[in-house]
C-alpha atoms as a PDB file:
ATOM      1  CA  UNK A   1     -26.276  72.656  85.763  1.00  0.00           C
ATOM      2  CA  UNK A   2     -22.724  73.130  86.949  1.00  0.00           C
ATOM      3  CA  UNK A   3     -22.169  69.351  86.914  1.00  0.00           C
ATOM      4  CA  UNK A   4     -22.910  69.217  83.166  1.00  0.00           C
ATOM      5  CA  UNK A   5     -19.960  71.450  82.365  1.00  0.00           C
ATOM      6  CA  UNK A   6     -16.610  69.884  81.464  1.00  0.00           C
ATOM      7  CA  UNK A   7     -14.061  69.838  84.295  1.00  0.00           C
ATOM      8  CA  UNK A   8     -11.939  72.540  82.645  1.00  0.00           C
ATOM      9  CA  UNK A   9     -14.955  74.826  82.219  1.00  0.00           C
ATOM     10  CA  UNK A  10     -16.007  74.255  85.825  1.00  0.00           C
ATOM     11  CA  UNK A  11     -12.503  75.105  86.992  1.00  0.00           C
ATOM     12  CA  UNK A  12     -12.463  78.308  84.950  1.00  0.00           C
ATOM     13  CA  UNK A  13     -15.926  79.291  86.182  1.00  0.00           C
ATOM     14  CA  UNK A  14     -14.942  78.657  89.776  1.00  0.00           C
ATOM     15  CA  UNK A  15     -11.784  80.707  89.324  1.00  0.00           C
ATOM     16  CA  UNK A  16     -13.629  83.592  87.653  1.00  0.00           C
ATOM     17  CA  UNK A  17     -16.249  83.815  90.399  1.00  0.00           C
ATOM     18  CA  UNK A  18     -13.601  83.585  93.091  1.00  0.00           C
ATOM     19  CA  UNK A  19     -11.505  86.296  91.414  1.00  0.00           C
ATOM     20  CA  UNK A  20     -14.439  88.699  91.272  1.00  0.00           C
ATOM     21  CA  UNK A  21     -15.265  88.090  94.940  1.00  0.00           C
ATOM     22  CA  UNK A  22     -11.650  88.535  96.062  1.00  0.00           C
ATOM     23  CA  UNK A  23     -11.208  91.764  94.096  1.00  0.00           C
ATOM     24  CA  UNK A  24     -14.535  93.114  95.375  1.00  0.00           C
ATOM     25  CA  UNK A  25     -13.655  92.243  98.967  1.00  0.00           C
ATOM     26  CA  UNK A  26     -10.171  93.765  98.735  1.00  0.00           C
ATOM     27  CA  UNK A  27     -11.416  96.981  97.166  1.00  0.00           C
ATOM     28  CA  UNK A  28     -14.312  97.301  99.609  1.00  0.00           C
ATOM     29  CA  UNK A  29     -12.110  96.748 102.648  1.00  0.00           C
ATOM     30  CA  UNK A  30      -9.545  99.294 101.482  1.00  0.00           C
ATOM     31  CA  UNK A  31     -12.279 101.838 100.696  1.00  0.00           C
ATOM     32  CA  UNK A  32     -13.988 101.505 104.070  1.00  0.00           C
ATOM     33  CA  UNK A  33     -10.807 101.483 106.141  1.00  0.00           C
ATOM     34  CA  UNK A  34      -9.399 104.595 104.473  1.00  0.00           C
ATOM     35  CA  UNK A  35     -12.692 106.441 104.855  1.00  0.00           C
ATOM     36  CA  UNK A  36     -13.069 105.550 108.525  1.00  0.00           C
ATOM     37  CA  UNK A  37      -9.565 106.418 109.728  1.00  0.00           C
ATOM     38  CA  UNK A  38      -9.013 109.997 110.948  1.00  0.00           C
ATOM     39  CA  UNK A  39      -7.867 112.497 108.358  1.00  0.00           C
ATOM     40  CA  UNK A  40      -9.111 114.793 105.648  1.00  0.00           C
ATOM     41  CA  UNK A  41      -8.546 114.030 101.949  1.00  0.00           C
ATOM     42  CA  UNK A  42      -9.486 117.621 101.086  1.00  0.00           C
ATOM     43  CA  UNK A  43      -6.287 118.806 102.782  1.00  0.00           C
ATOM     44  CA  UNK A  44      -4.316 116.496 100.501  1.00  0.00           C
ATOM     45  CA  UNK A  45      -6.121 117.845  97.463  1.00  0.00           C
ATOM     46  CA  UNK A  46      -5.499 121.445  98.490  1.00  0.00           C
ATOM     47  CA  UNK A  47      -1.776 120.933  98.968  1.00  0.00           C
ATOM     48  CA  UNK A  48       0.555 122.701 101.342  1.00  0.00           C
ATOM     49  CA  UNK A  49       0.812 125.911  99.329  1.00  0.00           C
ATOM     50  CA  UNK A  50      -2.853 126.331  98.396  1.00  0.00           C
ATOM     51  CA  UNK A  51      -5.149 128.779 100.095  1.00  0.00           C
ATOM     52  CA  UNK A  52      -7.559 126.991 102.392  1.00  0.00           C
ATOM     53  CA  UNK A  53     -10.967 128.631 102.162  1.00  0.00           C
ATOM     54  CA  UNK A  54     -14.465 127.400 102.855  1.00  0.00           C
ATOM     55  CA  UNK A  55     -15.565 128.033  99.270  1.00  0.00           C
ATOM     56  CA  UNK A  56     -12.638 126.119  97.840  1.00  0.00           C
ATOM     57  CA  UNK A  57     -13.205 123.209 100.192  1.00  0.00           C
ATOM     58  CA  UNK A  58     -16.869 123.024  99.205  1.00  0.00           C
ATOM     59  CA  UNK A  59     -15.931 123.072  95.528  1.00  0.00           C
ATOM     60  CA  UNK A  60     -13.506 120.180  96.021  1.00  0.00           C
ATOM     61  CA  UNK A  61     -16.073 118.227  98.019  1.00  0.00           C
ATOM     62  CA  UNK A  62     -18.612 118.574  95.200  1.00  0.00           C
ATOM     63  CA  UNK A  63     -16.113 117.797  92.441  1.00  0.00           C
ATOM     64  CA  UNK A  64     -14.923 114.564  94.060  1.00  0.00           C
ATOM     65  CA  UNK A  65     -18.349 113.704  95.554  1.00  0.00           C
ATOM     66  CA  UNK A  66     -16.816 113.694  99.021  1.00  0.00           C
ATOM     67  CA  UNK A  67     -19.908 115.409 100.425  1.00  0.00           C
ATOM     68  CA  UNK A  68     -22.137 112.459  99.423  1.00  0.00           C
ATOM     69  CA  UNK A  69     -23.086 109.837 102.018  1.00  0.00           C
ATOM     70  CA  UNK A  70     -20.567 107.045 102.411  1.00  0.00           C
ATOM     71  CA  UNK A  71     -22.944 104.498 100.872  1.00  0.00           C
ATOM     72  CA  UNK A  72     -23.368 106.657  97.761  1.00  0.00           C
ATOM     73  CA  UNK A  73     -19.600 107.118  97.467  1.00  0.00           C
ATOM     74  CA  UNK A  74     -19.171 103.359  97.752  1.00  0.00           C
ATOM     75  CA  UNK A  75     -21.659 102.624  94.954  1.00  0.00           C
ATOM     76  CA  UNK A  76     -20.049 105.219  92.681  1.00  0.00           C
ATOM     77  CA  UNK A  77     -16.651 103.797  93.552  1.00  0.00           C
ATOM     78  CA  UNK A  78     -17.679 100.242  92.601  1.00  0.00           C
ATOM     79  CA  UNK A  79     -19.291 101.460  89.383  1.00  0.00           C
ATOM     80  CA  UNK A  80     -16.109 103.230  88.370  1.00  0.00           C
ATOM     81  CA  UNK A  81     -13.996 100.157  89.147  1.00  0.00           C
ATOM     82  CA  UNK A  82     -16.320  97.990  87.065  1.00  0.00           C
ATOM     83  CA  UNK A  83     -15.381 100.080  84.019  1.00  0.00           C
ATOM     84  CA  UNK A  84     -11.679  99.798  84.764  1.00  0.00           C
ATOM     85  CA  UNK A  85     -11.352 103.379  86.005  1.00  0.00           C
ATOM     86  CA  UNK A  86      -9.113 103.558  89.086  1.00  0.00           C
ATOM     87  CA  UNK A  87      -9.571 107.308  89.367  1.00  0.00           C
ATOM     88  CA  UNK A  88      -6.953 109.998  89.843  1.00  0.00           C
ATOM     89  CA  UNK A  89      -4.489 110.556  92.659  1.00  0.00           C
ATOM     90  CA  UNK A  90      -5.514 113.190  95.164  1.00  0.00           C
ATOM     91  CA  UNK A  91      -1.919 114.225  95.678  1.00  0.00           C
ATOM     92  CA  UNK A  92      -0.324 113.935  92.229  1.00  0.00           C
ATOM     93  CA  UNK A  93      -3.429 114.762  90.160  1.00  0.00           C
ATOM     94  CA  UNK A  94      -2.605 111.962  87.727  1.00  0.00           C
ATOM     95  CA  UNK A  95      -4.428 108.754  86.786  1.00  0.00           C
ATOM     96  CA  UNK A  96      -3.729 105.973  89.264  1.00  0.00           C
ATOM     97  CA  UNK A  97      -3.025 103.512  86.453  1.00  0.00           C
ATOM     98  CA  UNK A  98      -0.294 105.826  85.156  1.00  0.00           C
ATOM     99  CA  UNK A  99       1.307 106.219  88.595  1.00  0.00           C
ATOM    100  CA  UNK A 100       1.344 102.468  89.192  1.00  0.00           C
ATOM    101  CA  UNK A 101       2.511 101.721  85.666  1.00  0.00           C
ATOM    102  CA  UNK A 102       5.501 104.060  85.958  1.00  0.00           C
ATOM    103  CA  UNK A 103       6.789 102.311  89.095  1.00  0.00           C
ATOM    104  CA  UNK A 104       5.664  98.761  88.368  1.00  0.00           C
ATOM    105  CA  UNK A 105       8.733  97.877  86.306  1.00  0.00           C
ATOM    106  CA  UNK A 106      11.232  98.517  89.116  1.00  0.00           C
ATOM    107  CA  UNK A 107       9.183  96.558  91.651  1.00  0.00           C
ATOM    108  CA  UNK A 108       8.620  93.684  89.212  1.00  0.00           C
ATOM    109  CA  UNK A 109      12.349  93.522  88.476  1.00  0.00           C
ATOM    110  CA  UNK A 110      13.171  93.320  92.173  1.00  0.00           C
ATOM    111  CA  UNK A 111      10.433  90.797  93.001  1.00  0.00           C
ATOM    112  CA  UNK A 112      11.065  88.470  90.046  1.00  0.00           C
ATOM    113  CA  UNK A 113      14.825  88.508  90.592  1.00  0.00           C
ATOM    114  CA  UNK A 114      14.326  87.647  94.251  1.00  0.00           C
ATOM    115  CA  UNK A 115      11.858  84.902  93.278  1.00  0.00           C
ATOM    116  CA  UNK A 116      14.344  83.282  90.891  1.00  0.00           C
ATOM    117  CA  UNK A 117      17.119  83.440  93.492  1.00  0.00           C
ATOM    118  CA  UNK A 118      15.043  82.053  96.369  1.00  0.00           C
ATOM    119  CA  UNK A 119      13.592  79.192  94.304  1.00  0.00           C
ATOM    120  CA  UNK A 120      17.010  78.217  92.933  1.00  0.00           C
ATOM    121  CA  UNK A 121      18.608  78.422  96.362  1.00  0.00           C
ATOM    122  CA  UNK A 122      15.827  76.429  97.995  1.00  0.00           C
ATOM    123  CA  UNK A 123      16.002  73.686  95.349  1.00  0.00           C
ATOM    124  CA  UNK A 124      19.769  73.341  95.642  1.00  0.00           C
ATOM    125  CA  UNK A 125      19.756  73.382  99.444  1.00  0.00           C
ATOM    126  CA  UNK A 126      16.882  70.915  99.798  1.00  0.00           C
ATOM    127  CA  UNK A 127      18.261  68.486  97.206  1.00  0.00           C
ATOM    128  CA  UNK A 128      21.741  68.612  98.748  1.00  0.00           C
ATOM    129  CA  UNK A 129      20.649  68.034 102.358  1.00  0.00           C
ATOM    130  CA  UNK A 130      17.559  65.795 102.144  1.00  0.00           C
ATOM    131  CA  UNK A 131      18.289  62.347 103.501  1.00  0.00           C
ATOM    132  CA  UNK A 132      21.784  63.293 104.671  1.00  0.00           C
ATOM    133  CA  UNK A 133      23.256  62.803 108.122  1.00  0.00           C
ATOM    134  CA  UNK A 134      21.428  64.359 111.061  1.00  0.00           C
ATOM    135  CA  UNK A 135      24.259  66.777 111.855  1.00  0.00           C
ATOM    136  CA  UNK A 136      24.259  68.179 108.338  1.00  0.00           C
ATOM    137  CA  UNK A 137      20.495  68.605 108.308  1.00  0.00           C
ATOM    138  CA  UNK A 138      20.528  70.127 111.783  1.00  0.00           C
ATOM    139  CA  UNK A 139      23.191  72.698 110.905  1.00  0.00           C
ATOM    140  CA  UNK A 140      21.445  73.732 107.705  1.00  0.00           C
ATOM    141  CA  UNK A 141      18.013  73.849 109.413  1.00  0.00           C
ATOM    142  CA  UNK A 142      19.447  76.038 112.172  1.00  0.00           C
ATOM    143  CA  UNK A 143      20.868  78.475 109.643  1.00  0.00           C
ATOM    144  CA  UNK A 144      17.555  78.551 107.794  1.00  0.00           C
ATOM    145  CA  UNK A 145      15.656  79.213 111.019  1.00  0.00           C
ATOM    146  CA  UNK A 146      17.904  82.184 111.753  1.00  0.00           C
ATOM    147  CA  UNK A 147      17.389  83.496 108.205  1.00  0.00           C
ATOM    148  CA  UNK A 148      13.603  83.149 108.403  1.00  0.00           C
ATOM    149  CA  UNK A 149      13.517  84.936 111.761  1.00  0.00           C
ATOM    150  CA  UNK A 150      15.704  87.829 110.611  1.00  0.00           C
ATOM    151  CA  UNK A 151      13.749  91.033 109.802  1.00  0.00           C
ATOM    152  CA  UNK A 152      14.279  92.179 106.233  1.00  0.00           C
ATOM    153  CA  UNK A 153      15.140  95.756 107.182  1.00  0.00           C
ATOM    154  CA  UNK A 154      17.820  94.549 109.640  1.00  0.00           C
ATOM    155  CA  UNK A 155      19.340  92.190 107.085  1.00  0.00           C
ATOM    156  CA  UNK A 156      19.368  94.988 104.525  1.00  0.00           C
ATOM    157  CA  UNK A 157      21.156  97.350 106.915  1.00  0.00           C
ATOM    158  CA  UNK A 158      23.766  94.691 107.713  1.00  0.00           C
ATOM    159  CA  UNK A 159      24.401  94.025 104.027  1.00  0.00           C
ATOM    160  CA  UNK A 160      24.687  97.738 103.342  1.00  0.00           C
ATOM    161  CA  UNK A 161      27.137  98.199 106.213  1.00  0.00           C
ATOM    162  CA  UNK A 162      29.398  95.342 105.123  1.00  0.00           C
ATOM    163  CA  UNK A 163      29.275  95.376 101.323  1.00  0.00           C
ATOM    164  CA  UNK A 164      28.565  99.043 100.590  1.00  0.00           C
ATOM    165  CA  UNK A 165      30.044 101.144 103.384  1.00  0.00           C
ATOM    166  CA  UNK A 166      33.076  99.016 104.280  1.00  0.00           C
ATOM    167  CA  UNK A 167      33.926  96.980 101.179  1.00  0.00           C
ATOM    168  CA  UNK A 168      32.451  99.447  98.658  1.00  0.00           C
ATOM    169  CA  UNK A 169      31.375  96.622  96.363  1.00  0.00           C
ATOM    170  CA  UNK A 170      27.791  97.709  95.713  1.00  0.00           C
ATOM    171  CA  UNK A 171      25.969 101.057  95.525  1.00  0.00           C
ATOM    172  CA  UNK A 172      24.360 102.353  98.694  1.00  0.00           C
ATOM    173  CA  UNK A 173      21.061 103.431  97.123  1.00  0.00           C
ATOM    174  CA  UNK A 174      19.233 103.928  93.857  1.00  0.00           C
ATOM    175  CA  UNK A 175      18.468 101.753  90.852  1.00  0.00           C
ATOM    176  CA  UNK A 176      21.229 101.808  88.275  1.00  0.00           C
ATOM    177  CA  UNK A 177      23.037  98.806  86.807  1.00  0.00           C
ATOM    178  CA  UNK A 178      22.904  95.196  88.017  1.00  0.00           C
ATOM    179  CA  UNK A 179      25.145  95.988  91.004  1.00  0.00           C
ATOM    180  CA  UNK A 180      22.421  98.122  92.572  1.00  0.00           C
ATOM    181  CA  UNK A 181      20.054  95.138  92.411  1.00  0.00           C
ATOM    182  CA  UNK A 182      22.245  92.566  94.170  1.00  0.00           C
ATOM    183  CA  UNK A 183      21.824  93.565  97.826  1.00  0.00           C
ATOM    184  CA  UNK A 184      18.050  94.263  97.617  1.00  0.00           C
ATOM    185  CA  UNK A 185      17.478  90.915  95.896  1.00  0.00           C
ATOM    186  CA  UNK A 186      19.500  89.019  98.494  1.00  0.00           C
ATOM    187  CA  UNK A 187      17.726  90.842 101.330  1.00  0.00           C
ATOM    188  CA  UNK A 188      14.334  89.930  99.915  1.00  0.00           C
ATOM    189  CA  UNK A 189      15.184  86.354  98.895  1.00  0.00           C
ATOM    190  CA  UNK A 190      17.007  84.981 101.942  1.00  0.00           C
ATOM    191  CA  UNK A 191      14.106  84.737 104.455  1.00  0.00           C
ATOM    192  CA  UNK A 192      11.573  83.355 101.969  1.00  0.00           C
ATOM    193  CA  UNK A 193      14.080  81.032 100.322  1.00  0.00           C
ATOM    194  CA  UNK A 194      15.023  79.570 103.695  1.00  0.00           C
ATOM    195  CA  UNK A 195      11.401  78.780 104.505  1.00  0.00           C
ATOM    196  CA  UNK A 196      10.835  77.226 101.085  1.00  0.00           C
ATOM    197  CA  UNK A 197      13.973  75.095 101.506  1.00  0.00           C
ATOM    198  CA  UNK A 198      12.657  73.748 104.822  1.00  0.00           C
ATOM    199  CA  UNK A 199       9.341  72.752 103.264  1.00  0.00           C
ATOM    200  CA  UNK A 200      11.017  71.151 100.261  1.00  0.00           C
ATOM    201  CA  UNK A 201      13.477  69.183 102.396  1.00  0.00           C
ATOM    202  CA  UNK A 202      10.736  67.834 104.673  1.00  0.00           C
ATOM    203  CA  UNK A 203       8.703  66.775 101.648  1.00  0.00           C
ATOM    204  CA  UNK A 204      11.691  65.109 100.001  1.00  0.00           C
ATOM    205  CA  UNK A 205      12.640  63.229 103.174  1.00  0.00           C
ATOM    206  CA  UNK A 206       9.077  61.976 103.511  1.00  0.00           C
ATOM    207  CA  UNK A 207       9.150  60.835  99.879  1.00  0.00           C
ATOM    208  CA  UNK A 208      12.484  59.045 100.344  1.00  0.00           C
ATOM    209  CA  UNK A 209      10.844  56.777 102.936  1.00  0.00           C
ATOM    210  CA  UNK A 210       7.984  55.772 100.623  1.00  0.00           C
ATOM    211  CA  UNK A 211       7.875  52.281  99.054  1.00  0.00           C
ATOM    212  CA  UNK A 212       8.554  53.626  95.564  1.00  0.00           C
ATOM    213  CA  UNK A 213      11.913  54.979  96.775  1.00  0.00           C
ATOM    214  CA  UNK A 214      12.944  51.514  98.020  1.00  0.00           C
ATOM    215  CA  UNK A 215      11.910  50.022  94.693  1.00  0.00           C
ATOM    216  CA  UNK A 216      13.901  52.648  92.779  1.00  0.00           C
ATOM    217  CA  UNK A 217      16.993  51.953  94.877  1.00  0.00           C
ATOM    218  CA  UNK A 218      16.663  48.222  94.314  1.00  0.00           C
ATOM    219  CA  UNK A 219      16.703  48.887  90.571  1.00  0.00           C
ATOM    220  CA  UNK A 220      20.039  50.649  90.888  1.00  0.00           C
ATOM    221  CA  UNK A 221      18.856  54.282  90.749  1.00  0.00           C
ATOM    222  CA  UNK A 222      21.422  56.575  92.355  1.00  0.00           C
ATOM    223  CA  UNK A 223      20.593  58.758  95.329  1.00  0.00           C
ATOM    224  CA  UNK A 224      20.935  61.975  93.338  1.00  0.00           C
ATOM    225  CA  UNK A 225      18.684  60.730  90.551  1.00  0.00           C
ATOM    226  CA  UNK A 226      16.120  59.539  93.095  1.00  0.00           C
ATOM    227  CA  UNK A 227      16.012  62.969  94.709  1.00  0.00           C
ATOM    228  CA  UNK A 228      15.758  64.925  91.477  1.00  0.00           C
ATOM    229  CA  UNK A 229      13.442  62.655  89.481  1.00  0.00           C
ATOM    230  CA  UNK A 230      11.019  61.433  92.120  1.00  0.00           C
ATOM    231  CA  UNK A 231      11.411  62.916  95.597  1.00  0.00           C
ATOM    232  CA  UNK A 232      11.514  66.506  94.373  1.00  0.00           C
ATOM    233  CA  UNK A 233       8.316  66.072  92.406  1.00  0.00           C
ATOM    234  CA  UNK A 234       6.496  64.697  95.447  1.00  0.00           C
ATOM    235  CA  UNK A 235       7.819  67.532  97.597  1.00  0.00           C
ATOM    236  CA  UNK A 236       6.700  70.137  95.069  1.00  0.00           C
ATOM    237  CA  UNK A 237       3.007  69.942  96.043  1.00  0.00           C
ATOM    238  CA  UNK A 238       3.331  71.242  99.640  1.00  0.00           C
ATOM    239  CA  UNK A 239       5.942  73.754  98.492  1.00  0.00           C
ATOM    240  CA  UNK A 240       3.724  75.122  95.738  1.00  0.00           C
ATOM    241  CA  UNK A 241       0.856  75.596  98.176  1.00  0.00           C
ATOM    242  CA  UNK A 242       3.039  78.220  99.852  1.00  0.00           C
ATOM    243  CA  UNK A 243       3.151  80.277  96.667  1.00  0.00           C
ATOM    244  CA  UNK A 244       0.144  82.431  97.577  1.00  0.00           C
ATOM    245  CA  UNK A 245       1.680  83.396 100.895  1.00  0.00           C
ATOM    246  CA  UNK A 246       5.059  83.726  99.202  1.00  0.00           C
ATOM    247  CA  UNK A 247       3.686  86.174  96.630  1.00  0.00           C
ATOM    248  CA  UNK A 248       2.086  88.285  99.344  1.00  0.00           C
ATOM    249  CA  UNK A 249       5.275  88.207 101.392  1.00  0.00           C
ATOM    250  CA  UNK A 250       7.378  89.310  98.438  1.00  0.00           C
ATOM    251  CA  UNK A 251       5.047  92.213  97.669  1.00  0.00           C
ATOM    252  CA  UNK A 252       5.050  93.288 101.294  1.00  0.00           C
ATOM    253  CA  UNK A 253       8.789  92.821 101.569  1.00  0.00           C
ATOM    254  CA  UNK A 254       9.476  95.058  98.578  1.00  0.00           C
ATOM    255  CA  UNK A 255       8.010  97.999 100.508  1.00  0.00           C
ATOM    256  CA  UNK A 256      10.636  97.607 103.241  1.00  0.00           C
ATOM    257  CA  UNK A 257      13.475  96.720 100.889  1.00  0.00           C
ATOM    258  CA  UNK A 258      12.811  99.639  98.544  1.00  0.00           C
ATOM    259  CA  UNK A 259      12.722 101.952 101.550  1.00  0.00           C
ATOM    260  CA  UNK A 260      15.984 100.639 103.039  1.00  0.00           C
ATOM    261  CA  UNK A 261      17.839 100.852  99.735  1.00  0.00           C
ATOM    262  CA  UNK A 262      16.073 104.043  98.538  1.00  0.00           C
ATOM    263  CA  UNK A 263      14.928 102.341  95.357  1.00  0.00           C
ATOM    264  CA  UNK A 264      12.100 103.596  93.135  1.00  0.00           C
ATOM    265  CA  UNK A 265       9.049 101.374  92.968  1.00  0.00           C
ATOM    266  CA  UNK A 266       5.597 100.727  94.330  1.00  0.00           C
ATOM    267  CA  UNK A 267       6.876 100.593  97.904  1.00  0.00           C
ATOM    268  CA  UNK A 268       7.536 104.308  98.002  1.00  0.00           C
ATOM    269  CA  UNK A 269       4.247 104.977  96.201  1.00  0.00           C
ATOM    270  CA  UNK A 270       2.382 102.928  98.813  1.00  0.00           C
ATOM    271  CA  UNK A 271       4.008 104.681 101.767  1.00  0.00           C
ATOM    272  CA  UNK A 272       3.278 108.130 100.343  1.00  0.00           C
ATOM    273  CA  UNK A 273      -0.310 107.226  99.479  1.00  0.00           C
ATOM    274  CA  UNK A 274      -1.073 105.796 102.924  1.00  0.00           C
ATOM    275  CA  UNK A 275       0.509 108.684 104.823  1.00  0.00           C
ATOM    276  CA  UNK A 276      -1.390 111.223 102.707  1.00  0.00           C
ATOM    277  CA  UNK A 277      -4.679 109.277 102.628  1.00  0.00           C
ATOM    278  CA  UNK A 278      -4.514 109.179  98.838  1.00  0.00           C
ATOM    279  CA  UNK A 279      -7.455 106.780  98.619  1.00  0.00           C
ATOM    280  CA  UNK A 280      -7.475 106.098  94.843  1.00  0.00           C
ATOM    281  CA  UNK A 281      -3.786 105.150  94.829  1.00  0.00           C
ATOM    282  CA  UNK A 282      -4.118 102.903  97.882  1.00  0.00           C
ATOM    283  CA  UNK A 283      -7.121 101.135  96.385  1.00  0.00           C
ATOM    284  CA  UNK A 284      -5.250 100.669  93.099  1.00  0.00           C
ATOM    285  CA  UNK A 285      -2.304  99.095  94.896  1.00  0.00           C
ATOM    286  CA  UNK A 286      -4.609  96.834  96.898  1.00  0.00           C
ATOM    287  CA  UNK A 287      -6.307  95.645  93.713  1.00  0.00           C
ATOM    288  CA  UNK A 288      -2.945  95.031  92.070  1.00  0.00           C
ATOM    289  CA  UNK A 289      -1.815  92.929  95.041  1.00  0.00           C
ATOM    290  CA  UNK A 290      -5.086  90.965  94.980  1.00  0.00           C
ATOM    291  CA  UNK A 291      -4.722  90.350  91.235  1.00  0.00           C
ATOM    292  CA  UNK A 292      -1.156  89.078  91.678  1.00  0.00           C
ATOM    293  CA  UNK A 293      -2.360  86.804  94.480  1.00  0.00           C
ATOM    294  CA  UNK A 294      -5.092  85.353  92.232  1.00  0.00           C
ATOM    295  CA  UNK A 295      -2.746  84.753  89.303  1.00  0.00           C
ATOM    296  CA  UNK A 296      -0.109  83.106  91.501  1.00  0.00           C
ATOM    297  CA  UNK A 297      -2.649  80.811  93.130  1.00  0.00           C
ATOM    298  CA  UNK A 298      -4.078  79.797  89.755  1.00  0.00           C
ATOM    299  CA  UNK A 299      -0.583  78.929  88.514  1.00  0.00           C
ATOM    300  CA  UNK A 300       0.062  77.065  91.766  1.00  0.00           C
ATOM    301  CA  UNK A 301      -3.024  74.919  91.216  1.00  0.00           C
ATOM    302  CA  UNK A 302      -1.866  74.053  87.712  1.00  0.00           C
ATOM    303  CA  UNK A 303       1.586  73.120  89.010  1.00  0.00           C
ATOM    304  CA  UNK A 304       0.030  70.917  91.682  1.00  0.00           C
ATOM    305  CA  UNK A 305      -2.027  69.131  89.013  1.00  0.00           C
ATOM    306  CA  UNK A 306       1.138  68.529  87.016  1.00  0.00           C
ATOM    307  CA  UNK A 307       3.149  67.323  90.000  1.00  0.00           C
ATOM    308  CA  UNK A 308       0.458  65.026  91.422  1.00  0.00           C
ATOM    309  CA  UNK A 309      -1.743  63.295  88.807  1.00  0.00           C
ATOM    310  CA  UNK A 310      -4.070  62.072  91.587  1.00  0.00           C
ATOM    311  CA  UNK A 311      -5.427  65.597  91.915  1.00  0.00           C
ATOM    312  CA  UNK A 312      -6.722  65.512  88.329  1.00  0.00           C
ATOM    313  CA  UNK A 313      -9.402  62.938  89.093  1.00  0.00           C
ATOM    314  CA  UNK A 314     -12.885  64.474  89.482  1.00  0.00           C
ATOM    315  CA  UNK A 315     -14.312  64.693  92.998  1.00  0.00           C
END
């Protein structure tokens, strides 16, 4: 029956089923892990200033169904997610969707700015060094290896020390004008951009040794035009396949970067929710990360189909 569907419909069906399975797996894993680790969510609900009594604890357990068996809690949890209800935060007593929505803009601004910078830097570096002399490629590859191996928190501290404390060019913390975004974006973009540049350069150098490159040179096509028109398109396929990992790395990196630079965003929300066992907030963040991963991978597949027409042929 599946074979009778058009290719586009089969692709959409495959994506939809895969998305449901990924979201279910991510939510289930987060739910089980947070329920099995030591700790008491009732203490979070009571708060530091509330009176801890047996009657009050029992009332909270009944209200949040925390006294039900774990299997029953899991079924209720999945049923609520199926209706789009992420629940309310144990700590802040607000809807999870509202908490995430309030901080999503700052994190999205940081992540998207870093994405634009790392992609632009990787494209320029790869196009400028692919096919060049071995010494040039070796020097650039060595610098990229150092950048990839550098922890984000250490790089952020170094940038703060030099450009904020000593030169006083950028703010130390917070999220104000564009100046407060420069150092966090650079900290987040440098390691991932260096890795992407390595992949792009290797793909371009492999393409420059293909027969079509020799034919293009014989027709008088310049080296720059050959790199930008043909080699870069061939190198885009392996680079785009990194996008899923890249999206996950950027989301994870924002937690560290927002902490180092004391920026508002989902990083601080995640740290507070995990330390306080705020299960609904953690699950909401996990589902958001899984959704971003699915969207990025779907876009990556479409880009691969555009870059390599051979992938469009039915299996």
